[in-house]
Amino acid sequence: MESKIWRATGEYDKKNKTFVFTKELIADKESHVKEKIYSDLGSRHRVKRREIRFEKIEEIEPDELTDLDLRRLLGVEAEF
């Protein structure tokens, strides 16, 4: 199975405030994307799964990436 590039947008609540997030990552399926984001936000920001809401998860092309680390990893962005 070949990995795909995904962009997920959504929001989460923390201490009566709402924070918006956009994450780009490589995964096989949409369910893997959700699991990775749950894990990442939970460990970095101590957010519970029920406090995370996804607005959109979409598959994107490599030239649509905005994350420089992923662009370099995939060879889209040349390193200087």
PDB file of N, CA and C in Angstrom:
ATOM      1  N   MET A   1       0.844  -1.175   0.000  1.00  0.00           N
ATOM      2  CA  MET A   1       0.000   0.000   0.000  1.00  0.00           C
ATOM      3  C   MET A   1       0.895   1.247   0.000  1.00  0.00           C
ATOM      4  N   GLU A   2       0.581   2.176  -0.861  1.00  0.00           N
ATOM      5  CA  GLU A   2       1.378   3.388  -0.981  1.00  0.00           C
ATOM      6  C   GLU A   2       0.826   4.491  -0.085  1.00  0.00           C
ATOM      7  N   SER A   3       1.725   5.193   0.582  1.00  0.00           N
ATOM      8  CA  SER A   3       1.308   6.283   1.466  1.00  0.00           C
ATOM      9  C   SER A   3       0.872   7.494   0.647  1.00  0.00           C
ATOM     10  N   LYS A   4      -0.045   8.245   1.212  1.00  0.00           N
ATOM     11  CA  LYS A   4      -0.570   9.444   0.573  1.00  0.00           C
ATOM     12  C   LYS A   4      -0.291  10.644   1.466  1.00  0.00           C
ATOM     13  N   ILE A   5      -0.425  11.825   0.885  1.00  0.00           N
ATOM     14  CA  ILE A   5      -0.221  13.064   1.632  1.00  0.00           C
ATOM     15  C   ILE A   5      -1.586  13.639   1.979  1.00  0.00           C
ATOM     16  N   TRP A   6      -1.769  14.001   3.232  1.00  0.00           N
ATOM     17  CA  TRP A   6      -3.062  14.469   3.732  1.00  0.00           C
ATOM     18  C   TRP A   6      -2.918  15.827   4.402  1.00  0.00           C
ATOM     19  N   ARG A   7      -3.979  16.635   4.316  1.00  0.00           N
ATOM     20  CA  ARG A   7      -4.072  17.892   5.056  1.00  0.00           C
ATOM     21  C   ARG A   7      -5.350  17.830   5.898  1.00  0.00           C
ATOM     22  N   ALA A   8      -5.180  18.007   7.198  1.00  0.00           N
ATOM     23  CA  ALA A   8      -6.314  17.973   8.117  1.00  0.00           C
ATOM     24  C   ALA A   8      -6.462  19.342   8.771  1.00  0.00           C
ATOM     25  N   THR A   9      -7.682  19.831   8.823  1.00  0.00           N
ATOM     26  CA  THR A   9      -7.976  21.079   9.511  1.00  0.00           C
ATOM     27  C   THR A   9      -9.069  20.819  10.532  1.00  0.00           C
ATOM     28  N   GLY A  10      -9.025  21.581  11.602  1.00  0.00           N
ATOM     29  CA  GLY A  10     -10.029  21.419  12.643  1.00  0.00           C
ATOM     30  C   GLY A  10      -9.766  22.362  13.795  1.00  0.00           C
ATOM     31  N   GLU A  11     -10.362  22.034  14.922  1.00  0.00           N
ATOM     32  CA  GLU A  11     -10.204  22.874  16.103  1.00  0.00           C
ATOM     33  C   GLU A  11     -10.313  22.013  17.357  1.00  0.00           C
ATOM     34  N   TYR A  12      -9.790  22.558  18.445  1.00  0.00           N
ATOM     35  CA  TYR A  12      -9.916  21.879  19.734  1.00  0.00           C
ATOM     36  C   TYR A  12     -10.106  22.908  20.829  1.00  0.00           C
ATOM     37  N   ASP A  13     -10.736  22.477  21.912  1.00  0.00           N
ATOM     38  CA  ASP A  13     -11.003  23.352  23.050  1.00  0.00           C
ATOM     39  C   ASP A  13     -10.009  23.058  24.160  1.00  0.00           C
ATOM     40  N   LYS A  14      -9.535  24.130  24.782  1.00  0.00           N
ATOM     41  CA  LYS A  14      -8.603  24.007  25.906  1.00  0.00           C
ATOM     42  C   LYS A  14      -8.806  25.209  26.814  1.00  0.00           C
ATOM     43  N   LYS A  15      -9.197  24.949  28.040  1.00  0.00           N
ATOM     44  CA  LYS A  15      -9.413  26.013  29.037  1.00  0.00           C
ATOM     45  C   LYS A  15     -10.328  27.122  28.518  1.00  0.00           C
ATOM     46  N   ASN A  16     -11.491  26.731  28.039  1.00  0.00           N
ATOM     47  CA  ASN A  16     -12.521  27.657  27.555  1.00  0.00           C
ATOM     48  C   ASN A  16     -12.086  28.515  26.370  1.00  0.00           C
ATOM     49  N   LYS A  17     -11.081  28.064  25.639  1.00  0.00           N
ATOM     50  CA  LYS A  17     -10.650  28.734  24.415  1.00  0.00           C
ATOM     51  C   LYS A  17     -10.677  27.721  23.286  1.00  0.00           C
ATOM     52  N   THR A  18     -10.890  28.199  22.070  1.00  0.00           N
ATOM     53  CA  THR A  18     -10.891  27.339  20.896  1.00  0.00           C
ATOM     54  C   THR A  18      -9.659  27.657  20.059  1.00  0.00           C
ATOM     55  N   PHE A  19      -8.917  26.613  19.721  1.00  0.00           N
ATOM     56  CA  PHE A  19      -7.707  26.743  18.917  1.00  0.00           C
ATOM     57  C   PHE A  19      -7.925  26.034  17.591  1.00  0.00           C
ATOM     58  N   VAL A  20      -7.462  26.653  16.512  1.00  0.00           N
ATOM     59  CA  VAL A  20      -7.593  26.103  15.172  1.00  0.00           C
ATOM     60  C   VAL A  20      -6.259  25.466  14.779  1.00  0.00           C
ATOM     61  N   PHE A  21      -6.315  24.324  14.092  1.00  0.00           N
ATOM     62  CA  PHE A  21      -5.085  23.686  13.645  1.00  0.00           C
ATOM     63  C   PHE A  21      -5.214  23.259  12.186  1.00  0.00           C
ATOM     64  N   THR A  22      -4.067  23.206  11.519  1.00  0.00           N
ATOM     65  CA  THR A  22      -3.922  22.642  10.185  1.00  0.00           C
ATOM     66  C   THR A  22      -2.649  21.813  10.205  1.00  0.00           C
ATOM     67  N   LYS A  23      -2.766  20.552   9.874  1.00  0.00           N
ATOM     68  CA  LYS A  23      -1.617  19.651   9.893  1.00  0.00           C
ATOM     69  C   LYS A  23      -1.536  18.926   8.560  1.00  0.00           C
ATOM     70  N   GLU A  24      -0.313  18.764   8.072  1.00  0.00           N
ATOM     71  CA  GLU A  24      -0.057  17.992   6.874  1.00  0.00           C
ATOM     72  C   GLU A  24       0.821  16.814   7.272  1.00  0.00           C
ATOM     73  N   LEU A  25       0.450  15.623   6.803  1.00  0.00           N
ATOM     74  CA  LEU A  25       1.235  14.446   7.141  1.00  0.00           C
ATOM     75  C   LEU A  25       1.062  13.353   6.106  1.00  0.00           C
ATOM     76  N   ILE A  26       1.902  12.343   6.221  1.00  0.00           N
ATOM     77  CA  ILE A  26       1.884  11.214   5.309  1.00  0.00           C
ATOM     78  C   ILE A  26       1.270  10.026   6.042  1.00  0.00           C
ATOM     79  N   ALA A  27       0.290   9.395   5.406  1.00  0.00           N
ATOM     80  CA  ALA A  27      -0.373   8.227   6.002  1.00  0.00           C
ATOM     81  C   ALA A  27      -1.021   7.405   4.892  1.00  0.00           C
ATOM     82  N   ASP A  28      -1.407   6.179   5.236  1.00  0.00           N
ATOM     83  CA  ASP A  28      -2.056   5.299   4.268  1.00  0.00           C
ATOM     84  C   ASP A  28      -3.544   5.593   4.115  1.00  0.00           C
ATOM     85  N   LYS A  29      -4.220   5.817   5.251  1.00  0.00           N
ATOM     86  CA  LYS A  29      -5.670   6.005   5.236  1.00  0.00           C
ATOM     87  C   LYS A  29      -6.065   7.200   6.102  1.00  0.00           C
ATOM     88  N   GLU A  30      -7.297   7.659   5.906  1.00  0.00           N
ATOM     89  CA  GLU A  30      -7.824   8.780   6.680  1.00  0.00           C
ATOM     90  C   GLU A  30      -7.880   8.450   8.171  1.00  0.00           C
ATOM     91  N   SER A  31      -8.178   7.224   8.508  1.00  0.00           N
ATOM     92  CA  SER A  31      -8.237   6.838   9.923  1.00  0.00           C
ATOM     93  C   SER A  31      -6.859   6.929  10.581  1.00  0.00           C
ATOM     94  N   HIS A  32      -5.808   6.678   9.818  1.00  0.00           N
ATOM     95  CA  HIS A  32      -4.453   6.823  10.357  1.00  0.00           C
ATOM     96  C   HIS A  32      -4.115   8.289  10.616  1.00  0.00           C
ATOM     97  N   VAL A  33      -4.622   9.158   9.753  1.00  0.00           N
ATOM     98  CA  VAL A  33      -4.418  10.600   9.934  1.00  0.00           C
ATOM     99  C   VAL A  33      -5.058  11.058  11.236  1.00  0.00           C
ATOM    100  N   LYS A  34      -6.305  10.666  11.465  1.00  0.00           N
ATOM    101  CA  LYS A  34      -7.003  11.053  12.690  1.00  0.00           C
ATOM    102  C   LYS A  34      -6.267  10.541  13.923  1.00  0.00           C
ATOM    103  N   GLU A  35      -5.842   9.301  13.880  1.00  0.00           N
ATOM    104  CA  GLU A  35      -5.153   8.702  15.029  1.00  0.00           C
ATOM    105  C   GLU A  35      -3.852   9.443  15.331  1.00  0.00           C
ATOM    106  N   LYS A  36      -3.099   9.805  14.299  1.00  0.00           N
ATOM    107  CA  LYS A  36      -1.842  10.535  14.489  1.00  0.00           C
ATOM    108  C   LYS A  36      -2.094  11.916  15.099  1.00  0.00           C
ATOM    109  N   ILE A  37      -3.143  12.593  14.650  1.00  0.00           N
ATOM    110  CA  ILE A  37      -3.457  13.922  15.183  1.00  0.00           C
ATOM    111  C   ILE A  37      -3.948  13.822  16.621  1.00  0.00           C
ATOM    112  N   TYR A  38      -4.791  12.843  16.922  1.00  0.00           N
ATOM    113  CA  TYR A  38      -5.212  12.623  18.304  1.00  0.00           C
ATOM    114  C   TYR A  38      -3.993  12.420  19.201  1.00  0.00           C
ATOM    115  N   SER A  39      -3.075  11.607  18.758  1.00  0.00           N
ATOM    116  CA  SER A  39      -1.879  11.304  19.529  1.00  0.00           C
ATOM    117  C   SER A  39      -0.998  12.544  19.698  1.00  0.00           C
ATOM    118  N   ASP A  40      -0.787  13.274  18.608  1.00  0.00           N
ATOM    119  CA  ASP A  40       0.089  14.444  18.632  1.00  0.00           C
ATOM    120  C   ASP A  40      -0.471  15.561  19.508  1.00  0.00           C
ATOM    121  N   LEU A  41      -1.734  15.920  19.309  1.00  0.00           N
ATOM    122  CA  LEU A  41      -2.335  16.995  20.112  1.00  0.00           C
ATOM    123  C   LEU A  41      -2.477  16.579  21.571  1.00  0.00           C
ATOM    124  N   GLY A  42      -2.760  15.317  21.799  1.00  0.00           N
ATOM    125  CA  GLY A  42      -2.883  14.830  23.168  1.00  0.00           C
ATOM    126  C   GLY A  42      -1.575  14.890  23.927  1.00  0.00           C
ATOM    127  N   SER A  43      -0.483  14.530  23.260  1.00  0.00           N
ATOM    128  CA  SER A  43       0.800  14.526  23.952  1.00  0.00           C
ATOM    129  C   SER A  43       1.404  15.933  24.076  1.00  0.00           C
ATOM    130  N   ARG A  44       1.243  16.760  23.053  1.00  0.00           N
ATOM    131  CA  ARG A  44       1.839  18.102  23.092  1.00  0.00           C
ATOM    132  C   ARG A  44       1.027  19.100  23.909  1.00  0.00           C
ATOM    133  N   HIS A  45      -0.298  19.016  23.797  1.00  0.00           N
ATOM    134  CA  HIS A  45      -1.153  20.033  24.407  1.00  0.00           C
ATOM    135  C   HIS A  45      -2.102  19.500  25.479  1.00  0.00           C
ATOM    136  N   ARG A  46      -2.013  18.198  25.760  1.00  0.00           N
ATOM    137  CA  ARG A  46      -2.881  17.569  26.778  1.00  0.00           C
ATOM    138  C   ARG A  46      -4.361  17.775  26.467  1.00  0.00           C
ATOM    139  N   VAL A  47      -4.724  17.538  25.212  1.00  0.00           N
ATOM    140  CA  VAL A  47      -6.107  17.682  24.758  1.00  0.00           C
ATOM    141  C   VAL A  47      -6.736  16.293  24.681  1.00  0.00           C
ATOM    142  N   LYS A  48      -7.931  16.146  25.197  1.00  0.00           N
ATOM    143  CA  LYS A  48      -8.660  14.882  25.126  1.00  0.00           C
ATOM    144  C   LYS A  48      -9.232  14.695  23.716  1.00  0.00           C
ATOM    145  N   ARG A  49      -9.423  13.448  23.328  1.00  0.00           N
ATOM    146  CA  ARG A  49      -9.964  13.149  22.004  1.00  0.00           C
ATOM    147  C   ARG A  49     -11.329  13.783  21.779  1.00  0.00           C
ATOM    148  N   ARG A  50     -12.157  13.809  22.783  1.00  0.00           N
ATOM    149  CA  ARG A  50     -13.504  14.367  22.618  1.00  0.00           C
ATOM    150  C   ARG A  50     -13.494  15.883  22.416  1.00  0.00           C
ATOM    151  N   GLU A  51     -12.364  16.539  22.711  1.00  0.00           N
ATOM    152  CA  GLU A  51     -12.259  17.990  22.538  1.00  0.00           C
ATOM    153  C   GLU A  51     -11.747  18.373  21.148  1.00  0.00           C
ATOM    154  N   ILE A  52     -11.370  17.393  20.325  1.00  0.00           N
ATOM    155  CA  ILE A  52     -10.842  17.643  18.982  1.00  0.00           C
ATOM    156  C   ILE A  52     -11.946  17.421  17.961  1.00  0.00           C
ATOM    157  N   ARG A  53     -12.148  18.421  17.099  1.00  0.00           N
ATOM    158  CA  ARG A  53     -13.141  18.334  16.035  1.00  0.00           C
ATOM    159  C   ARG A  53     -12.453  18.557  14.690  1.00  0.00           C
ATOM    160  N   PHE A  54     -12.666  17.643  13.767  1.00  0.00           N
ATOM    161  CA  PHE A  54     -12.099  17.761  12.429  1.00  0.00           C
ATOM    162  C   PHE A  54     -13.101  18.441  11.513  1.00  0.00           C
ATOM    163  N   GLU A  55     -12.653  19.461  10.793  1.00  0.00           N
ATOM    164  CA  GLU A  55     -13.501  20.112   9.803  1.00  0.00           C
ATOM    165  C   GLU A  55     -13.350  19.438   8.447  1.00  0.00           C
ATOM    166  N   LYS A  56     -12.089  19.165   8.070  1.00  0.00           N
ATOM    167  CA  LYS A  56     -11.854  18.582   6.758  1.00  0.00           C
ATOM    168  C   LYS A  56     -10.545  17.797   6.778  1.00  0.00           C
ATOM    169  N   ILE A  57     -10.578  16.630   6.164  1.00  0.00           N
ATOM    170  CA  ILE A  57      -9.371  15.846   5.928  1.00  0.00           C
ATOM    171  C   ILE A  57      -9.370  15.522   4.445  1.00  0.00           C
ATOM    172  N   GLU A  58      -8.339  16.001   3.749  1.00  0.00           N
ATOM    173  CA  GLU A  58      -8.306  15.828   2.304  1.00  0.00           C
ATOM    174  C   GLU A  58      -6.937  15.338   1.846  1.00  0.00           C
ATOM    175  N   GLU A  59      -6.957  14.566   0.787  1.00  0.00           N
ATOM    176  CA  GLU A  59      -5.716  14.108   0.173  1.00  0.00           C
ATOM    177  C   GLU A  59      -5.223  15.216  -0.757  1.00  0.00           C
ATOM    178  N   ILE A  60      -3.924  15.503  -0.702  1.00  0.00           N
ATOM    179  CA  ILE A  60      -3.367  16.591  -1.516  1.00  0.00           C
ATOM    180  C   ILE A  60      -2.183  16.076  -2.335  1.00  0.00           C
ATOM    181  N   GLU A  61      -1.805  16.866  -3.316  1.00  0.00           N
ATOM    182  CA  GLU A  61      -0.651  16.558  -4.160  1.00  0.00           C
ATOM    183  C   GLU A  61       0.617  17.113  -3.508  1.00  0.00           C
ATOM    184  N   PRO A  62       1.778  16.548  -3.811  1.00  0.00           N
ATOM    185  CA  PRO A  62       3.023  17.039  -3.197  1.00  0.00           C
ATOM    186  C   PRO A  62       3.314  18.515  -3.444  1.00  0.00           C
ATOM    187  N   ASP A  63       2.924  19.056  -4.593  1.00  0.00           N
ATOM    188  CA  ASP A  63       3.201  20.468  -4.867  1.00  0.00           C
ATOM    189  C   ASP A  63       2.281  21.410  -4.103  1.00  0.00           C
ATOM    190  N   GLU A  64       1.246  20.889  -3.429  1.00  0.00           N
ATOM    191  CA  GLU A  64       0.342  21.709  -2.611  1.00  0.00           C
ATOM    192  C   GLU A  64       0.811  21.824  -1.161  1.00  0.00           C
ATOM    193  N   LEU A  65       1.870  21.128  -0.788  1.00  0.00           N
ATOM    194  CA  LEU A  65       2.362  21.136   0.594  1.00  0.00           C
ATOM    195  C   LEU A  65       2.834  22.519   1.009  1.00  0.00           C
ATOM    196  N   THR A  66       2.564  22.877   2.249  1.00  0.00           N
ATOM    197  CA  THR A  66       3.094  24.121   2.812  1.00  0.00           C
ATOM    198  C   THR A  66       4.134  23.836   3.890  1.00  0.00           C
ATOM    199  N   ASP A  67       4.185  22.611   4.391  1.00  0.00           N
ATOM    200  CA  ASP A  67       5.148  22.215   5.421  1.00  0.00           C
ATOM    201  C   ASP A  67       6.511  21.975   4.763  1.00  0.00           C
ATOM    202  N   LEU A  68       7.503  22.820   5.081  1.00  0.00           N
ATOM    203  CA  LEU A  68       8.814  22.736   4.443  1.00  0.00           C
ATOM    204  C   LEU A  68       9.525  21.423   4.728  1.00  0.00           C
ATOM    205  N   ASP A  69       9.378  20.873   5.926  1.00  0.00           N
ATOM    206  CA  ASP A  69      10.021  19.605   6.242  1.00  0.00           C
ATOM    207  C   ASP A  69       9.503  18.477   5.355  1.00  0.00           C
ATOM    208  N   LEU A  70       8.200  18.419   5.150  1.00  0.00           N
ATOM    209  CA  LEU A  70       7.627  17.404   4.269  1.00  0.00           C
ATOM    210  C   LEU A  70       8.019  17.636   2.815  1.00  0.00           C
ATOM    211  N   ARG A  71       8.075  18.894   2.396  1.00  0.00           N
ATOM    212  CA  ARG A  71       8.486  19.201   1.023  1.00  0.00           C
ATOM    213  C   ARG A  71       9.903  18.705   0.771  1.00  0.00           C
ATOM    214  N   ARG A  72      10.789  18.932   1.726  1.00  0.00           N
ATOM    215  CA  ARG A  72      12.175  18.469   1.578  1.00  0.00           C
ATOM    216  C   ARG A  72      12.269  16.957   1.625  1.00  0.00           C
ATOM    217  N   LEU A  73      11.482  16.335   2.501  1.00  0.00           N
ATOM    218  CA  LEU A  73      11.480  14.884   2.615  1.00  0.00           C
ATOM    219  C   LEU A  73      11.042  14.221   1.304  1.00  0.00           C
ATOM    220  N   LEU A  74      10.058  14.809   0.649  1.00  0.00           N
ATOM    221  CA  LEU A  74       9.537  14.249  -0.591  1.00  0.00           C
ATOM    222  C   LEU A  74      10.303  14.720  -1.822  1.00  0.00           C
ATOM    223  N   GLY A  75      11.242  15.638  -1.651  1.00  0.00           N
ATOM    224  CA  GLY A  75      12.042  16.101  -2.772  1.00  0.00           C
ATOM    225  C   GLY A  75      11.383  17.179  -3.601  1.00  0.00           C
ATOM    226  N   VAL A  76      10.335  17.815  -3.079  1.00  0.00           N
ATOM    227  CA  VAL A  76       9.647  18.886  -3.785  1.00  0.00           C
ATOM    228  C   VAL A  76      10.427  20.181  -3.648  1.00  0.00           C
ATOM    229  N   GLU A  77      11.029  20.384  -2.498  1.00  0.00           N
ATOM    230  CA  GLU A  77      11.795  21.605  -2.194  1.00  0.00           C
ATOM    231  C   GLU A  77      13.274  21.253  -2.189  1.00  0.00           C
ATOM    232  N   ALA A  78      14.061  21.971  -2.934  1.00  0.00           N
ATOM    233  CA  ALA A  78      15.499  21.725  -2.971  1.00  0.00           C
ATOM    234  C   ALA A  78      16.153  22.312  -1.725  1.00  0.00           C
ATOM    235  N   GLU A  79      17.104  21.584  -1.166  1.00  0.00           N
ATOM    236  CA  GLU A  79      17.830  22.089   0.005  1.00  0.00           C
ATOM    237  C   GLU A  79      19.017  22.908  -0.469  1.00  0.00           C
ATOM    238  N   PHE A  80      19.293  23.989   0.223  1.00  0.00           N
ATOM    239  CA  PHE A  80      20.410  24.858  -0.143  1.00  0.00           C
ATOM    240  C   PHE A  80      21.496  24.761   0.877  1.00  0.00           C
TER     241      PHE A  80
END
